[in-house]
């Protein structure tokens, strides 16, 4: 429902995609926690299943930021397509 509210409130750009991804991950986490009974498992098993995808998302974000930095630095020092 919250993913549709992003369209209803007409968010645009990075904010829209950020909110859609956050709500998608929260929904996936709720499904894993309740329907796969992860809430009642040992913490070691929970960390084994949850931490690797979380780290992938963190590294994806770091790579995105680094890519934007490299692109902007090249545009500043080497000039744009003129």
PDB file of N, CA and C in Angstrom:
ATOM      1  N   UNK A   1       0.821  -1.188   0.000  1.00  0.00           N
ATOM      2  CA  UNK A   1       0.000   0.000   0.000  1.00  0.00           C
ATOM      3  C   UNK A   1       0.871   1.260   0.000  1.00  0.00           C
ATOM      4  N   UNK A   2       1.993   1.229   0.735  1.00  0.00           N
ATOM      5  CA  UNK A   2       2.840   2.420   0.785  1.00  0.00           C
ATOM      6  C   UNK A   2       3.529   2.672  -0.549  1.00  0.00           C
ATOM      7  N   UNK A   3       3.819   1.608  -1.298  1.00  0.00           N
ATOM      8  CA  UNK A   3       4.439   1.802  -2.612  1.00  0.00           C
ATOM      9  C   UNK A   3       3.495   2.555  -3.542  1.00  0.00           C
ATOM     10  N   UNK A   4       2.201   2.287  -3.421  1.00  0.00           N
ATOM     11  CA  UNK A   4       1.228   2.996  -4.238  1.00  0.00           C
ATOM     12  C   UNK A   4       1.035   4.429  -3.759  1.00  0.00           C
ATOM     13  N   UNK A   5       1.255   4.672  -2.460  1.00  0.00           N
ATOM     14  CA  UNK A   5       1.147   6.036  -1.948  1.00  0.00           C
ATOM     15  C   UNK A   5       2.243   6.926  -2.524  1.00  0.00           C
ATOM     16  N   UNK A   6       3.385   6.335  -2.872  1.00  0.00           N
ATOM     17  CA  UNK A   6       4.455   7.108  -3.509  1.00  0.00           C
ATOM     18  C   UNK A   6       3.945   7.688  -4.824  1.00  0.00           C
ATOM     19  N   UNK A   7       3.191   6.904  -5.594  1.00  0.00           N
ATOM     20  CA  UNK A   7       2.603   7.410  -6.836  1.00  0.00           C
ATOM     21  C   UNK A   7       1.472   8.390  -6.558  1.00  0.00           C
ATOM     22  N   UNK A   8       0.683   8.116  -5.511  1.00  0.00           N
ATOM     23  CA  UNK A   8      -0.453   8.975  -5.182  1.00  0.00           C
ATOM     24  C   UNK A   8       0.006  10.379  -4.808  1.00  0.00           C
ATOM     25  N   UNK A   9       1.082  10.475  -4.017  1.00  0.00           N
ATOM     26  CA  UNK A   9       1.597  11.780  -3.616  1.00  0.00           C
ATOM     27  C   UNK A   9       2.527  12.388  -4.664  1.00  0.00           C
ATOM     28  N   UNK A  10       2.712  11.692  -5.773  1.00  0.00           N
ATOM     29  CA  UNK A  10       3.465  12.155  -6.935  1.00  0.00           C
ATOM     30  C   UNK A  10       4.901  12.557  -6.600  1.00  0.00           C
ATOM     31  N   UNK A  11       5.592  11.676  -5.844  1.00  0.00           N
ATOM     32  CA  UNK A  11       7.015  11.894  -5.610  1.00  0.00           C
ATOM     33  C   UNK A  11       7.757  11.607  -6.906  1.00  0.00           C
ATOM     34  N   UNK A  12       8.834  12.335  -7.154  1.00  0.00           N
ATOM     35  CA  UNK A  12       9.589  12.190  -8.395  1.00  0.00           C
ATOM     36  C   UNK A  12      11.068  11.980  -8.108  1.00  0.00           C
ATOM     37  N   UNK A  13      11.766  11.419  -9.062  1.00  0.00           N
ATOM     38  CA  UNK A  13      13.219  11.318  -9.010  1.00  0.00           C
ATOM     39  C   UNK A  13      13.725  10.284  -8.027  1.00  0.00           C
ATOM     40  N   UNK A  14      14.879  10.632  -7.415  1.00  0.00           N
ATOM     41  CA  UNK A  14      15.543   9.702  -6.508  1.00  0.00           C
ATOM     42  C   UNK A  14      14.705   9.407  -5.275  1.00  0.00           C
ATOM     43  N   UNK A  15      13.968  10.404  -4.788  1.00  0.00           N
ATOM     44  CA  UNK A  15      13.128  10.183  -3.609  1.00  0.00           C
ATOM     45  C   UNK A  15      12.100   9.102  -3.881  1.00  0.00           C
ATOM     46  N   UNK A  16      11.487   9.126  -5.049  1.00  0.00           N
ATOM     47  CA  UNK A  16      10.478   8.124  -5.402  1.00  0.00           C
ATOM     48  C   UNK A  16      11.082   6.722  -5.406  1.00  0.00           C
ATOM     49  N   UNK A  17      12.216   6.573  -6.081  1.00  0.00           N
ATOM     50  CA  UNK A  17      12.815   5.242  -6.179  1.00  0.00           C
ATOM     51  C   UNK A  17      13.363   4.775  -4.845  1.00  0.00           C
ATOM     52  N   UNK A  18      13.890   5.703  -4.053  1.00  0.00           N
ATOM     53  CA  UNK A  18      14.368   5.347  -2.722  1.00  0.00           C
ATOM     54  C   UNK A  18      13.216   4.824  -1.864  1.00  0.00           C
ATOM     55  N   UNK A  19      12.083   5.525  -1.875  1.00  0.00           N
ATOM     56  CA  UNK A  19      10.935   5.093  -1.077  1.00  0.00           C
ATOM     57  C   UNK A  19      10.381   3.758  -1.566  1.00  0.00           C
ATOM     58  N   UNK A  20      10.308   3.565  -2.870  1.00  0.00           N
ATOM     59  CA  UNK A  20       9.802   2.299  -3.404  1.00  0.00           C
ATOM     60  C   UNK A  20      10.698   1.144  -2.971  1.00  0.00           C
ATOM     61  N   UNK A  21      12.009   1.321  -3.047  1.00  0.00           N
ATOM     62  CA  UNK A  21      12.933   0.254  -2.656  1.00  0.00           C
ATOM     63  C   UNK A  21      12.861  -0.005  -1.159  1.00  0.00           C
ATOM     64  N   UNK A  22      12.771   1.055  -0.352  1.00  0.00           N
ATOM     65  CA  UNK A  22      12.666   0.876   1.101  1.00  0.00           C
ATOM     66  C   UNK A  22      11.400   0.110   1.455  1.00  0.00           C
ATOM     67  N   UNK A  23      10.269   0.505   0.877  1.00  0.00           N
ATOM     68  CA  UNK A  23       9.020  -0.190   1.183  1.00  0.00           C
ATOM     69  C   UNK A  23       9.044  -1.634   0.682  1.00  0.00           C
ATOM     70  N   UNK A  24       9.685  -1.878  -0.460  1.00  0.00           N
ATOM     71  CA  UNK A  24       9.800  -3.236  -0.978  1.00  0.00           C
ATOM     72  C   UNK A  24      10.629  -4.108  -0.035  1.00  0.00           C
ATOM     73  N   UNK A  25      11.736  -3.561   0.484  1.00  0.00           N
ATOM     74  CA  UNK A  25      12.573  -4.326   1.411  1.00  0.00           C
ATOM     75  C   UNK A  25      11.857  -4.568   2.743  1.00  0.00           C
ATOM     76  N   UNK A  26      11.109  -3.575   3.222  1.00  0.00           N
ATOM     77  CA  UNK A  26      10.345  -3.764   4.458  1.00  0.00           C
ATOM     78  C   UNK A  26       9.283  -4.848   4.287  1.00  0.00           C
ATOM     79  N   UNK A  27       8.623  -4.850   3.141  1.00  0.00           N
ATOM     80  CA  UNK A  27       7.611  -5.873   2.876  1.00  0.00           C
ATOM     81  C   UNK A  27       8.246  -7.260   2.794  1.00  0.00           C
ATOM     82  N   UNK A  28       9.398  -7.357   2.136  1.00  0.00           N
ATOM     83  CA  UNK A  28      10.095  -8.640   2.053  1.00  0.00           C
ATOM     84  C   UNK A  28      10.547  -9.097   3.434  1.00  0.00           C
ATOM     85  N   UNK A  29      11.019  -8.170   4.257  1.00  0.00           N
ATOM     86  CA  UNK A  29      11.420  -8.521   5.619  1.00  0.00           C
ATOM     87  C   UNK A  29      10.257  -9.010   6.453  1.00  0.00           C
ATOM     88  N   UNK A  30       9.100  -8.382   6.298  1.00  0.00           N
ATOM     89  CA  UNK A  30       7.909  -8.832   7.027  1.00  0.00           C
ATOM     90  C   UNK A  30       7.487 -10.229   6.583  1.00  0.00           C
ATOM     91  N   UNK A  31       7.544 -10.483   5.291  1.00  0.00           N
ATOM     92  CA  UNK A  31       7.191 -11.810   4.785  1.00  0.00           C
ATOM     93  C   UNK A  31       8.143 -12.861   5.338  1.00  0.00           C
ATOM     94  N   UNK A  32       9.442 -12.566   5.327  1.00  0.00           N
ATOM     95  CA  UNK A  32      10.425 -13.513   5.858  1.00  0.00           C
ATOM     96  C   UNK A  32      10.213 -13.723   7.348  1.00  0.00           C
ATOM     97  N   UNK A  33       9.958 -12.645   8.086  1.00  0.00           N
ATOM     98  CA  UNK A  33       9.824 -12.742   9.543  1.00  0.00           C
ATOM     99  C   UNK A  33       8.598 -13.533   9.959  1.00  0.00           C
ATOM    100  N   UNK A  34       7.477 -13.299   9.314  1.00  0.00           N
ATOM    101  CA  UNK A  34       6.230 -13.919   9.763  1.00  0.00           C
ATOM    102  C   UNK A  34       5.985 -15.254   9.076  1.00  0.00           C
ATOM    103  N   UNK A  35       5.958 -15.265   7.756  1.00  0.00           N
ATOM    104  CA  UNK A  35       5.551 -16.472   7.051  1.00  0.00           C
ATOM    105  C   UNK A  35       6.634 -17.539   7.009  1.00  0.00           C
ATOM    106  N   UNK A  36       7.902 -17.146   7.144  1.00  0.00           N
ATOM    107  CA  UNK A  36       8.968 -18.138   7.201  1.00  0.00           C
ATOM    108  C   UNK A  36       9.386 -18.406   8.643  1.00  0.00           C
ATOM    109  N   UNK A  37       8.646 -17.848   9.586  1.00  0.00           N
ATOM    110  CA  UNK A  37       8.842 -18.079  11.021  1.00  0.00           C
ATOM    111  C   UNK A  37      10.239 -17.696  11.491  1.00  0.00           C
ATOM    112  N   UNK A  38      10.813 -16.658  10.878  1.00  0.00           N
ATOM    113  CA  UNK A  38      12.155 -16.240  11.270  1.00  0.00           C
ATOM    114  C   UNK A  38      12.168 -15.545  12.629  1.00  0.00           C
ATOM    115  N   UNK A  39      11.033 -15.023  13.069  1.00  0.00           N
ATOM    116  CA  UNK A  39      10.999 -14.344  14.366  1.00  0.00           C
ATOM    117  C   UNK A  39      11.297 -15.308  15.506  1.00  0.00           C
ATOM    118  N   UNK A  40      11.013 -16.577  15.298  1.00  0.00           N
ATOM    119  CA  UNK A  40      11.145 -17.543  16.374  1.00  0.00           C
ATOM    120  C   UNK A  40      12.390 -18.408  16.241  1.00  0.00           C
ATOM    121  N   UNK A  41      13.260 -18.086  15.296  1.00  0.00           N
ATOM    122  CA  UNK A  41      14.492 -18.850  15.112  1.00  0.00           C
ATOM    123  C   UNK A  41      15.614 -18.264  15.961  1.00  0.00           C
ATOM    124  N   UNK A  42      16.706 -18.992  16.056  1.00  0.00           N
ATOM    125  CA  UNK A  42      17.875 -18.501  16.784  1.00  0.00           C
ATOM    126  C   UNK A  42      18.489 -17.333  16.020  1.00  0.00           C
ATOM    127  N   UNK A  43      19.108 -16.432  16.764  1.00  0.00           N
ATOM    128  CA  UNK A  43      19.673 -15.237  16.149  1.00  0.00           C
ATOM    129  C   UNK A  43      20.795 -15.571  15.166  1.00  0.00           C
ATOM    130  N   UNK A  44      21.546 -16.637  15.398  1.00  0.00           N
ATOM    131  CA  UNK A  44      22.617 -17.011  14.473  1.00  0.00           C
ATOM    132  C   UNK A  44      22.040 -17.343  13.098  1.00  0.00           C
ATOM    133  N   UNK A  45      20.916 -18.050  13.068  1.00  0.00           N
ATOM    134  CA  UNK A  45      20.282 -18.387  11.797  1.00  0.00           C
ATOM    135  C   UNK A  45      19.717 -17.136  11.131  1.00  0.00           C
ATOM    136  N   UNK A  46      19.131 -16.266  11.923  1.00  0.00           N
ATOM    137  CA  UNK A  46      18.584 -15.026  11.375  1.00  0.00           C
ATOM    138  C   UNK A  46      19.700 -14.188  10.751  1.00  0.00           C
ATOM    139  N   UNK A  47      20.819 -14.044  11.461  1.00  0.00           N
ATOM    140  CA  UNK A  47      21.935 -13.269  10.923  1.00  0.00           C
ATOM    141  C   UNK A  47      22.519 -13.921   9.678  1.00  0.00           C
ATOM    142  N   UNK A  48      22.524 -15.243   9.628  1.00  0.00           N
ATOM    143  CA  UNK A  48      23.050 -15.945   8.462  1.00  0.00           C
ATOM    144  C   UNK A  48      22.211 -15.662   7.225  1.00  0.00           C
ATOM    145  N   UNK A  49      20.920 -15.488   7.397  1.00  0.00           N
ATOM    146  CA  UNK A  49      20.025 -15.270   6.261  1.00  0.00           C
ATOM    147  C   UNK A  49      19.870 -13.786   5.935  1.00  0.00           C
ATOM    148  N   UNK A  50      19.854 -12.926   6.931  1.00  0.00           N
ATOM    149  CA  UNK A  50      19.546 -11.513   6.728  1.00  0.00           C
ATOM    150  C   UNK A  50      20.778 -10.671   6.392  1.00  0.00           C
ATOM    151  N   UNK A  51      21.912 -10.931   7.021  1.00  0.00           N
ATOM    152  CA  UNK A  51      23.079 -10.056   6.878  1.00  0.00           C
ATOM    153  C   UNK A  51      23.654 -10.035   5.453  1.00  0.00           C
ATOM    154  N   UNK A  52      23.824 -11.161   4.745  1.00  0.00           N
ATOM    155  CA  UNK A  52      24.402 -11.072   3.388  1.00  0.00           C
ATOM    156  C   UNK A  52      23.613 -10.193   2.416  1.00  0.00           C
ATOM    157  N   UNK A  53      22.274 -10.313   2.310  1.00  0.00           N
ATOM    158  CA  UNK A  53      21.574  -9.380   1.411  1.00  0.00           C
ATOM    159  C   UNK A  53      21.663  -7.930   1.877  1.00  0.00           C
ATOM    160  N   UNK A  54      21.685  -7.722   3.190  1.00  0.00           N
ATOM    161  CA  UNK A  54      21.823  -6.366   3.712  1.00  0.00           C
ATOM    162  C   UNK A  54      23.183  -5.776   3.334  1.00  0.00           C
ATOM    163  N   UNK A  55      24.237  -6.577   3.440  1.00  0.00           N
ATOM    164  CA  UNK A  55      25.564  -6.110   3.038  1.00  0.00           C
ATOM    165  C   UNK A  55      25.628  -5.829   1.537  1.00  0.00           C
ATOM    166  N   UNK A  56      24.954  -6.659   0.736  1.00  0.00           N
ATOM    167  CA  UNK A  56      24.915  -6.392  -0.699  1.00  0.00           C
ATOM    168  C   UNK A  56      24.259  -5.050  -0.995  1.00  0.00           C
ATOM    169  N   UNK A  57      23.187  -4.734  -0.282  1.00  0.00           N
ATOM    170  CA  UNK A  57      22.532  -3.441  -0.475  1.00  0.00           C
ATOM    171  C   UNK A  57      23.436  -2.287  -0.056  1.00  0.00           C
ATOM    172  N   UNK A  58      24.165  -2.467   1.036  1.00  0.00           N
ATOM    173  CA  UNK A  58      25.090  -1.423   1.483  1.00  0.00           C
ATOM    174  C   UNK A  58      26.190  -1.217   0.444  1.00  0.00           C
ATOM    175  N   UNK A  59      26.772  -2.305  -0.054  1.00  0.00           N
ATOM    176  CA  UNK A  59      27.824  -2.187  -1.061  1.00  0.00           C
ATOM    177  C   UNK A  59      27.287  -1.605  -2.365  1.00  0.00           C
ATOM    178  N   UNK A  60      26.049  -1.923  -2.713  1.00  0.00           N
ATOM    179  CA  UNK A  60      25.432  -1.336  -3.897  1.00  0.00           C
ATOM    180  C   UNK A  60      25.290   0.173  -3.732  1.00  0.00           C
ATOM    181  N   UNK A  61      24.876   0.602  -2.556  1.00  0.00           N
ATOM    182  CA  UNK A  61      24.774   2.035  -2.292  1.00  0.00           C
ATOM    183  C   UNK A  61      26.121   2.726  -2.337  1.00  0.00           C
ATOM    184  N   UNK A  62      27.139   2.098  -1.753  1.00  0.00           N
ATOM    185  CA  UNK A  62      28.489   2.672  -1.785  1.00  0.00           C
ATOM    186  C   UNK A  62      28.991   2.765  -3.226  1.00  0.00           C
ATOM    187  N   UNK A  63      28.756   1.725  -4.017  1.00  0.00           N
ATOM    188  CA  UNK A  63      29.173   1.752  -5.420  1.00  0.00           C
ATOM    189  C   UNK A  63      28.453   2.826  -6.213  1.00  0.00           C
ATOM    190  N   UNK A  64      27.183   3.036  -5.919  1.00  0.00           N
ATOM    191  CA  UNK A  64      26.423   4.084  -6.595  1.00  0.00           C
ATOM    192  C   UNK A  64      26.981   5.461  -6.266  1.00  0.00           C
ATOM    193  N   UNK A  65      27.256   5.688  -4.988  1.00  0.00           N
ATOM    194  CA  UNK A  65      27.830   6.974  -4.587  1.00  0.00           C
ATOM    195  C   UNK A  65      29.204   7.193  -5.221  1.00  0.00           C
ATOM    196  N   UNK A  66      30.017   6.156  -5.251  1.00  0.00           N
ATOM    197  CA  UNK A  66      31.346   6.274  -5.846  1.00  0.00           C
ATOM    198  C   UNK A  66      31.252   6.535  -7.350  1.00  0.00           C
ATOM    199  N   UNK A  67      30.321   5.859  -8.015  1.00  0.00           N
ATOM    200  CA  UNK A  67      30.138   6.080  -9.446  1.00  0.00           C
ATOM    201  C   UNK A  67      29.696   7.501  -9.751  1.00  0.00           C
ATOM    202  N   UNK A  68      28.774   8.034  -8.945  1.00  0.00           N
ATOM    203  CA  UNK A  68      28.353   9.424  -9.127  1.00  0.00           C
ATOM    204  C   UNK A  68      29.513  10.382  -8.899  1.00  0.00           C
ATOM    205  N   UNK A  69      30.323  10.106  -7.887  1.00  0.00           N
ATOM    206  CA  UNK A  69      31.480  10.965  -7.601  1.00  0.00           C
ATOM    207  C   UNK A  69      32.472  10.954  -8.765  1.00  0.00           C
ATOM    208  N   UNK A  70      32.764   9.778  -9.294  1.00  0.00           N
ATOM    209  CA  UNK A  70      33.707   9.677 -10.418  1.00  0.00           C
ATOM    210  C   UNK A  70      33.147  10.401 -11.638  1.00  0.00           C
ATOM    211  N   UNK A  71      31.861  10.219 -11.912  1.00  0.00           N
ATOM    212  CA  UNK A  71      31.245  10.877 -13.064  1.00  0.00           C
ATOM    213  C   UNK A  71      31.302  12.393 -12.927  1.00  0.00           C
ATOM    214  N   UNK A  72      30.927  12.904 -11.759  1.00  0.00           N
ATOM    215  CA  UNK A  72      30.945  14.354 -11.561  1.00  0.00           C
ATOM    216  C   UNK A  72      32.362  14.916 -11.598  1.00  0.00           C
ATOM    217  N   UNK A  73      33.322  14.177 -11.046  1.00  0.00           N
ATOM    218  CA  UNK A  73      34.713  14.629 -11.088  1.00  0.00           C
ATOM    219  C   UNK A  73      35.224  14.691 -12.522  1.00  0.00           C
ATOM    220  N   UNK A  74      34.886  13.708 -13.325  1.00  0.00           N
ATOM    221  CA  UNK A  74      35.307  13.719 -14.730  1.00  0.00           C
ATOM    222  C   UNK A  74      34.638  14.856 -15.495  1.00  0.00           C
ATOM    223  N   UNK A  75      33.380  15.132 -15.174  1.00  0.00           N
ATOM    224  CA  UNK A  75      32.694  16.232 -15.845  1.00  0.00           C
ATOM    225  C   UNK A  75      33.327  17.570 -15.490  1.00  0.00           C
ATOM    226  N   UNK A  76      33.774  17.716 -14.250  1.00  0.00           N
ATOM    227  CA  UNK A  76      34.393  18.976 -13.824  1.00  0.00           C
ATOM    228  C   UNK A  76      35.757  19.157 -14.478  1.00  0.00           C
ATOM    229  N   UNK A  77      36.601  18.134 -14.430  1.00  0.00           N
ATOM    230  CA  UNK A  77      37.981  18.290 -14.884  1.00  0.00           C
ATOM    231  C   UNK A  77      38.173  18.081 -16.383  1.00  0.00           C
ATOM    232  N   UNK A  78      37.374  17.223 -16.994  1.00  0.00           N
ATOM    233  CA  UNK A  78      37.550  16.956 -18.418  1.00  0.00           C
ATOM    234  C   UNK A  78      36.511  17.652 -19.279  1.00  0.00           C
ATOM    235  N   UNK A  79      35.540  18.273 -18.677  1.00  0.00           N
ATOM    236  CA  UNK A  79      34.507  18.978 -19.426  1.00  0.00           C
ATOM    237  C   UNK A  79      33.433  18.036 -19.923  1.00  0.00           C
ATOM    238  N   UNK A  80      32.308  18.596 -20.221  1.00  0.00           N
ATOM    239  CA  UNK A  80      31.188  17.799 -20.702  1.00  0.00           C
ATOM    240  C   UNK A  80      31.208  17.673 -22.207  1.00  0.00           C
ATOM    241  N   UNK A  81      30.177  17.050 -22.729  1.00  0.00           N
ATOM    242  CA  UNK A  81      30.033  16.916 -24.179  1.00  0.00           C
ATOM    243  C   UNK A  81      29.550  18.257 -24.720  1.00  0.00           C
ATOM    244  N   UNK A  82      30.470  18.998 -25.319  1.00  0.00           N
ATOM    245  CA  UNK A  82      30.121  20.343 -25.796  1.00  0.00           C
ATOM    246  C   UNK A  82      30.000  20.391 -27.284  1.00  0.00           C
TER     247      UNK A  82
END
